[in-house]
Amino acid sequence: MNDKLYKAKVNHKSEHQILFDTTGEIISIDDIKSVWDIAIIKKGDTPTFHILKDTKSFTAEVVEADYATKSFIIRINGNKYSIMVKDRFDGLLHDLGMDSQTSSKLDNMKAPMPGLVLDVRVSEGQQVMKGDSIIVLEAMKMENILKAQADGTVKNISVKKGDKVEKNQVMITFA
């Protein structure tokens, strides 16, 4: 079975499960099967779609899209909706505790799981930008590159290559 399950949180409140088949067609929403007919009206950065669902007509326009965070603002028949999408990989990161480092302010970097420090890619006093590789951590026989979640300056490095770390252990402090 290669169907893909996504979770979509609408307006930071209600969460829905959406199941797609291998061709990208919607199979069900919240385990309720419906007939969908979707046509692209306009392509580009803010695409527009015409949707027929169970004989009801909708116009949907993507107003804003941030693919990195999987967050979208969509206007459907004139009403705006904020949508946050999560796939199975987001669920896995949550289960491993690796989604807790999403703060926009950089205070410190904690180990998201127990592991072995394979590499420290920064030095004290170094300026880092959001997305820069900071530490390579081996956990569960996989190399995980931990990246800066915001801009900052490295104040203190409390681990070195070869150190074993425990979950939530502070590895780097930022100024």
C-alpha atoms as a PDB file:
ATOM      1  CA  MET A   1       0.000   0.000   0.000  1.00  0.00           C
ATOM      2  CA  ASN A   2       1.649   3.239  -1.151  1.00  0.00           C
ATOM      3  CA  ASP A   3      -1.172   5.590  -0.191  1.00  0.00           C
ATOM      4  CA  LYS A   4      -0.022   8.722   1.631  1.00  0.00           C
ATOM      5  CA  LEU A   5      -1.610   9.977   4.837  1.00  0.00           C
ATOM      6  CA  TYR A   6      -1.326  13.633   5.831  1.00  0.00           C
ATOM      7  CA  LYS A   7      -2.648  15.549   8.815  1.00  0.00           C
ATOM      8  CA  ALA A   8      -3.894  19.084   8.193  1.00  0.00           C
ATOM      9  CA  LYS A   9      -4.620  21.531  11.014  1.00  0.00           C
ATOM     10  CA  VAL A  10      -7.054  24.240   9.925  1.00  0.00           C
ATOM     11  CA  ASN A  11      -6.973  27.681  11.598  1.00  0.00           C
ATOM     12  CA  HIS A  12      -4.816  26.227  14.415  1.00  0.00           C
ATOM     13  CA  LYS A  13      -7.861  24.314  15.678  1.00  0.00           C
ATOM     14  CA  SER A  14      -9.406  21.337  13.929  1.00  0.00           C
ATOM     15  CA  GLU A  15      -7.161  18.575  12.602  1.00  0.00           C
ATOM     16  CA  HIS A  16      -8.113  16.345   9.686  1.00  0.00           C
ATOM     17  CA  GLN A  17      -6.562  13.233   8.178  1.00  0.00           C
ATOM     18  CA  ILE A  18      -6.300  13.255   4.404  1.00  0.00           C
ATOM     19  CA  LEU A  19      -5.495  10.080   2.500  1.00  0.00           C
ATOM     20  CA  PHE A  20      -4.132  10.322  -1.052  1.00  0.00           C
ATOM     21  CA  ASP A  21      -3.549   7.482  -3.502  1.00  0.00           C
ATOM     22  CA  THR A  22      -0.293   7.029  -5.441  1.00  0.00           C
ATOM     23  CA  THR A  23      -1.489   9.356  -8.217  1.00  0.00           C
ATOM     24  CA  GLY A  24      -2.214  12.223  -5.798  1.00  0.00           C
ATOM     25  CA  GLU A  25      -5.977  11.798  -5.849  1.00  0.00           C
ATOM     26  CA  ILE A  26      -7.817  12.273  -2.539  1.00  0.00           C
ATOM     27  CA  ILE A  27      -9.219   8.988  -1.248  1.00  0.00           C
ATOM     28  CA  SER A  28     -10.782  10.233   1.985  1.00  0.00           C
ATOM     29  CA  ILE A  29     -10.840  12.992   4.581  1.00  0.00           C
ATOM     30  CA  ASP A  30     -11.308  11.799   8.168  1.00  0.00           C
ATOM     31  CA  ASP A  31     -12.096   8.314   6.774  1.00  0.00           C
ATOM     32  CA  ILE A  32     -15.056   9.719   4.800  1.00  0.00           C
ATOM     33  CA  LYS A  33     -14.837   8.932   1.109  1.00  0.00           C
ATOM     34  CA  SER A  34     -16.053  11.545  -1.357  1.00  0.00           C
ATOM     35  CA  VAL A  35     -15.886  12.153  -5.075  1.00  0.00           C
ATOM     36  CA  TRP A  36     -13.485  14.988  -5.944  1.00  0.00           C
ATOM     37  CA  ASP A  37     -12.906  16.667  -9.282  1.00  0.00           C
ATOM     38  CA  ILE A  38     -10.119  19.254  -9.178  1.00  0.00           C
ATOM     39  CA  ALA A  39      -9.065  21.442 -12.110  1.00  0.00           C
ATOM     40  CA  ILE A  40      -6.260  24.007 -12.164  1.00  0.00           C
ATOM     41  CA  ILE A  41      -7.543  27.428 -13.237  1.00  0.00           C
ATOM     42  CA  LYS A  42      -4.302  29.362 -12.754  1.00  0.00           C
ATOM     43  CA  LYS A  43      -0.735  28.089 -12.245  1.00  0.00           C
ATOM     44  CA  GLY A  44       2.190  29.899 -10.608  1.00  0.00           C
ATOM     45  CA  ASP A  45       3.116  31.050  -7.109  1.00  0.00           C
ATOM     46  CA  THR A  46      -0.527  31.521  -6.126  1.00  0.00           C
ATOM     47  CA  PRO A  47      -2.421  28.844  -8.048  1.00  0.00           C
ATOM     48  CA  THR A  48      -6.205  28.761  -8.226  1.00  0.00           C
ATOM     49  CA  PHE A  49      -8.325  25.617  -8.463  1.00  0.00           C
ATOM     50  CA  HIS A  50     -11.923  24.778  -9.271  1.00  0.00           C
ATOM     51  CA  ILE A  51     -13.153  21.927  -7.088  1.00  0.00           C
ATOM     52  CA  LEU A  52     -16.282  19.815  -7.374  1.00  0.00           C
ATOM     53  CA  LYS A  53     -16.958  17.715  -4.280  1.00  0.00           C
ATOM     54  CA  ASP A  54     -20.112  15.662  -4.156  1.00  0.00           C
ATOM     55  CA  THR A  55     -21.845  18.041  -6.621  1.00  0.00           C
ATOM     56  CA  LYS A  56     -20.792  21.195  -4.665  1.00  0.00           C
ATOM     57  CA  SER A  57     -18.571  23.773  -6.387  1.00  0.00           C
ATOM     58  CA  PHE A  58     -15.624  25.563  -4.746  1.00  0.00           C
ATOM     59  CA  THR A  59     -12.927  27.965  -5.887  1.00  0.00           C
ATOM     60  CA  ALA A  60      -9.661  27.625  -3.961  1.00  0.00           C
ATOM     61  CA  GLU A  61      -6.705  30.005  -4.238  1.00  0.00           C
ATOM     62  CA  VAL A  62      -3.342  29.503  -2.561  1.00  0.00           C
ATOM     63  CA  VAL A  63      -2.694  32.976  -1.093  1.00  0.00           C
ATOM     64  CA  GLU A  64       0.573  32.127   0.714  1.00  0.00           C
ATOM     65  CA  ALA A  65       2.704  28.993   0.703  1.00  0.00           C
ATOM     66  CA  ASP A  66       5.714  28.181   2.894  1.00  0.00           C
ATOM     67  CA  TYR A  67       6.817  24.751   1.732  1.00  0.00           C
ATOM     68  CA  ALA A  68       9.648  24.555   4.302  1.00  0.00           C
ATOM     69  CA  THR A  69       7.208  24.722   7.219  1.00  0.00           C
ATOM     70  CA  LYS A  70       4.322  23.191   5.252  1.00  0.00           C
ATOM     71  CA  SER A  71       2.048  26.100   6.126  1.00  0.00           C
ATOM     72  CA  PHE A  72      -0.432  27.682   3.755  1.00  0.00           C
ATOM     73  CA  ILE A  73      -3.082  30.381   3.582  1.00  0.00           C
ATOM     74  CA  ILE A  74      -5.864  29.273   1.248  1.00  0.00           C
ATOM     75  CA  ARG A  75      -8.945  31.234   0.206  1.00  0.00           C
ATOM     76  CA  ILE A  76     -11.955  29.020  -0.492  1.00  0.00           C
ATOM     77  CA  ASN A  77     -15.040  30.757  -1.884  1.00  0.00           C
ATOM     78  CA  GLY A  78     -13.821  34.044  -0.367  1.00  0.00           C
ATOM     79  CA  ASN A  79     -13.001  32.680   3.127  1.00  0.00           C
ATOM     80  CA  LYS A  80      -9.344  32.471   4.238  1.00  0.00           C
ATOM     81  CA  TYR A  81      -8.009  29.408   6.038  1.00  0.00           C
ATOM     82  CA  SER A  82      -4.627  28.850   7.670  1.00  0.00           C
ATOM     83  CA  ILE A  83      -3.469  25.272   7.083  1.00  0.00           C
ATOM     84  CA  MET A  84      -0.503  23.426   8.625  1.00  0.00           C
ATOM     85  CA  VAL A  85       0.288  20.068   7.016  1.00  0.00           C
ATOM     86  CA  LYS A  86       2.209  17.163   8.558  1.00  0.00           C
ATOM     87  CA  ASP A  87       3.264  13.941   6.887  1.00  0.00           C
ATOM     88  CA  ARG A  88       4.548  10.681   8.375  1.00  0.00           C
ATOM     89  CA  PHE A  89       8.094  12.069   8.591  1.00  0.00           C
ATOM     90  CA  ASP A  90       6.906  14.991  10.730  1.00  0.00           C
ATOM     91  CA  GLY A  91       5.245  12.439  13.011  1.00  0.00           C
ATOM     92  CA  LEU A  92       8.483  10.481  13.241  1.00  0.00           C
ATOM     93  CA  LEU A  93      10.465  13.631  14.125  1.00  0.00           C
ATOM     94  CA  HIS A  94       7.877  14.406  16.809  1.00  0.00           C
ATOM     95  CA  ASP A  95       8.140  10.867  18.222  1.00  0.00           C
ATOM     96  CA  LEU A  96      11.952  11.222  18.328  1.00  0.00           C
ATOM     97  CA  GLY A  97      11.696  14.613  20.031  1.00  0.00           C
ATOM     98  CA  MET A  98      13.388  16.373  17.138  1.00  0.00           C
ATOM     99  CA  ASP A  99      10.554  18.832  16.490  1.00  0.00           C
ATOM    100  CA  SER A 100      11.090  20.695  19.761  1.00  0.00           C
ATOM    101  CA  GLN A 101      13.852  22.863  18.288  1.00  0.00           C
ATOM    102  CA  THR A 102      11.635  25.122  16.199  1.00  0.00           C
ATOM    103  CA  SER A 103      11.957  28.317  18.225  1.00  0.00           C
ATOM    104  CA  SER A 104      12.701  31.524  16.299  1.00  0.00           C
ATOM    105  CA  LYS A 105      15.090  32.635  19.091  1.00  0.00           C
ATOM    106  CA  LEU A 106      18.319  30.682  19.379  1.00  0.00           C
ATOM    107  CA  ASP A 107      19.126  30.034  23.078  1.00  0.00           C
ATOM    108  CA  ASN A 108      20.713  26.611  23.092  1.00  0.00           C
ATOM    109  CA  MET A 109      20.833  23.408  21.144  1.00  0.00           C
ATOM    110  CA  LYS A 110      19.815  20.292  23.031  1.00  0.00           C
ATOM    111  CA  ALA A 111      20.309  16.711  21.959  1.00  0.00           C
ATOM    112  CA  PRO A 112      16.988  15.595  20.448  1.00  0.00           C
ATOM    113  CA  MET A 113      17.786  11.988  21.392  1.00  0.00           C
ATOM    114  CA  PRO A 114      20.607   9.958  22.956  1.00  0.00           C
ATOM    115  CA  GLY A 115      23.527   9.600  20.566  1.00  0.00           C
ATOM    116  CA  LEU A 116      27.187  10.030  19.694  1.00  0.00           C
ATOM    117  CA  VAL A 117      28.631  13.365  18.546  1.00  0.00           C
ATOM    118  CA  LEU A 118      30.342  12.677  15.198  1.00  0.00           C
ATOM    119  CA  ASP A 119      31.255  16.281  14.381  1.00  0.00           C
ATOM    120  CA  VAL A 120      30.944  19.806  15.754  1.00  0.00           C
ATOM    121  CA  ARG A 121      30.837  22.185  12.788  1.00  0.00           C
ATOM    122  CA  VAL A 122      31.021  25.505  14.651  1.00  0.00           C
ATOM    123  CA  SER A 123      33.376  27.238  17.076  1.00  0.00           C
ATOM    124  CA  GLU A 124      32.804  29.585  20.007  1.00  0.00           C
ATOM    125  CA  GLY A 125      32.165  33.155  18.897  1.00  0.00           C
ATOM    126  CA  GLN A 126      31.078  32.070  15.413  1.00  0.00           C
ATOM    127  CA  GLN A 127      28.022  33.694  13.835  1.00  0.00           C
ATOM    128  CA  VAL A 128      25.494  31.171  12.500  1.00  0.00           C
ATOM    129  CA  MET A 129      22.573  31.657  10.172  1.00  0.00           C
ATOM    130  CA  LYS A 130      19.281  29.777  10.211  1.00  0.00           C
ATOM    131  CA  GLY A 131      19.829  26.458   8.415  1.00  0.00           C
ATOM    132  CA  ASP A 132      23.606  26.256   9.053  1.00  0.00           C
ATOM    133  CA  SER A 133      24.869  22.793  10.049  1.00  0.00           C
ATOM    134  CA  ILE A 134      25.896  22.845  13.713  1.00  0.00           C
ATOM    135  CA  ILE A 135      26.430  19.263  14.925  1.00  0.00           C
ATOM    136  CA  VAL A 136      26.387  15.793  13.390  1.00  0.00           C
ATOM    137  CA  LEU A 137      24.810  13.342  15.826  1.00  0.00           C
ATOM    138  CA  GLU A 138      24.673   9.585  15.312  1.00  0.00           C
ATOM    139  CA  ALA A 139      21.538   8.046  16.764  1.00  0.00           C
ATOM    140  CA  MET A 140      19.790   4.791  15.964  1.00  0.00           C
ATOM    141  CA  LYS A 141      22.551   3.995  13.406  1.00  0.00           C
ATOM    142  CA  MET A 142      21.736   7.164  11.444  1.00  0.00           C
ATOM    143  CA  GLU A 143      23.678  10.393  11.038  1.00  0.00           C
ATOM    144  CA  ASN A 144      21.538  13.410  11.897  1.00  0.00           C
ATOM    145  CA  ILE A 145      22.733  16.885  10.937  1.00  0.00           C
ATOM    146  CA  LEU A 146      21.365  19.340  13.481  1.00  0.00           C
ATOM    147  CA  LYS A 147      20.915  22.810  12.017  1.00  0.00           C
ATOM    148  CA  ALA A 148      20.476  26.283  13.463  1.00  0.00           C
ATOM    149  CA  GLN A 149      16.802  27.159  13.818  1.00  0.00           C
ATOM    150  CA  ALA A 150      17.553  30.903  13.783  1.00  0.00           C
ATOM    151  CA  ASP A 151      20.455  33.348  13.424  1.00  0.00           C
ATOM    152  CA  GLY A 152      22.789  33.678  16.428  1.00  0.00           C
ATOM    153  CA  THR A 153      26.297  33.599  17.869  1.00  0.00           C
ATOM    154  CA  VAL A 154      27.868  30.499  19.439  1.00  0.00           C
ATOM    155  CA  LYS A 155      28.615  31.328  23.104  1.00  0.00           C
ATOM    156  CA  ASN A 156      29.660  27.952  24.523  1.00  0.00           C
ATOM    157  CA  ILE A 157      30.201  24.446  23.143  1.00  0.00           C
ATOM    158  CA  SER A 158      29.815  21.810  25.836  1.00  0.00           C
ATOM    159  CA  VAL A 159      30.414  18.697  23.691  1.00  0.00           C
ATOM    160  CA  LYS A 160      33.183  17.490  21.419  1.00  0.00           C
ATOM    161  CA  LYS A 161      33.602  14.839  18.756  1.00  0.00           C
ATOM    162  CA  GLY A 162      33.219  11.386  20.304  1.00  0.00           C
ATOM    163  CA  ASP A 163      31.071  12.491  23.268  1.00  0.00           C
ATOM    164  CA  LYS A 164      27.960  10.515  24.111  1.00  0.00           C
ATOM    165  CA  VAL A 165      24.912  12.682  24.828  1.00  0.00           C
ATOM    166  CA  GLU A 166      21.564  12.074  26.462  1.00  0.00           C
ATOM    167  CA  LYS A 167      18.224  13.388  25.254  1.00  0.00           C
ATOM    168  CA  ASN A 168      17.748  17.104  26.113  1.00  0.00           C
ATOM    169  CA  GLN A 169      21.418  17.531  27.101  1.00  0.00           C
ATOM    170  CA  VAL A 170      22.556  21.071  26.216  1.00  0.00           C
ATOM    171  CA  MET A 171      25.284  20.790  23.596  1.00  0.00           C
ATOM    172  CA  ILE A 172      25.682  24.428  22.491  1.00  0.00           C
ATOM    173  CA  THR A 173      24.650  27.717  24.084  1.00  0.00           C
ATOM    174  CA  PHE A 174      24.048  30.798  21.949  1.00  0.00           C
ATOM    175  CA  ALA A 175      24.454  34.463  22.894  1.00  0.00           C
END
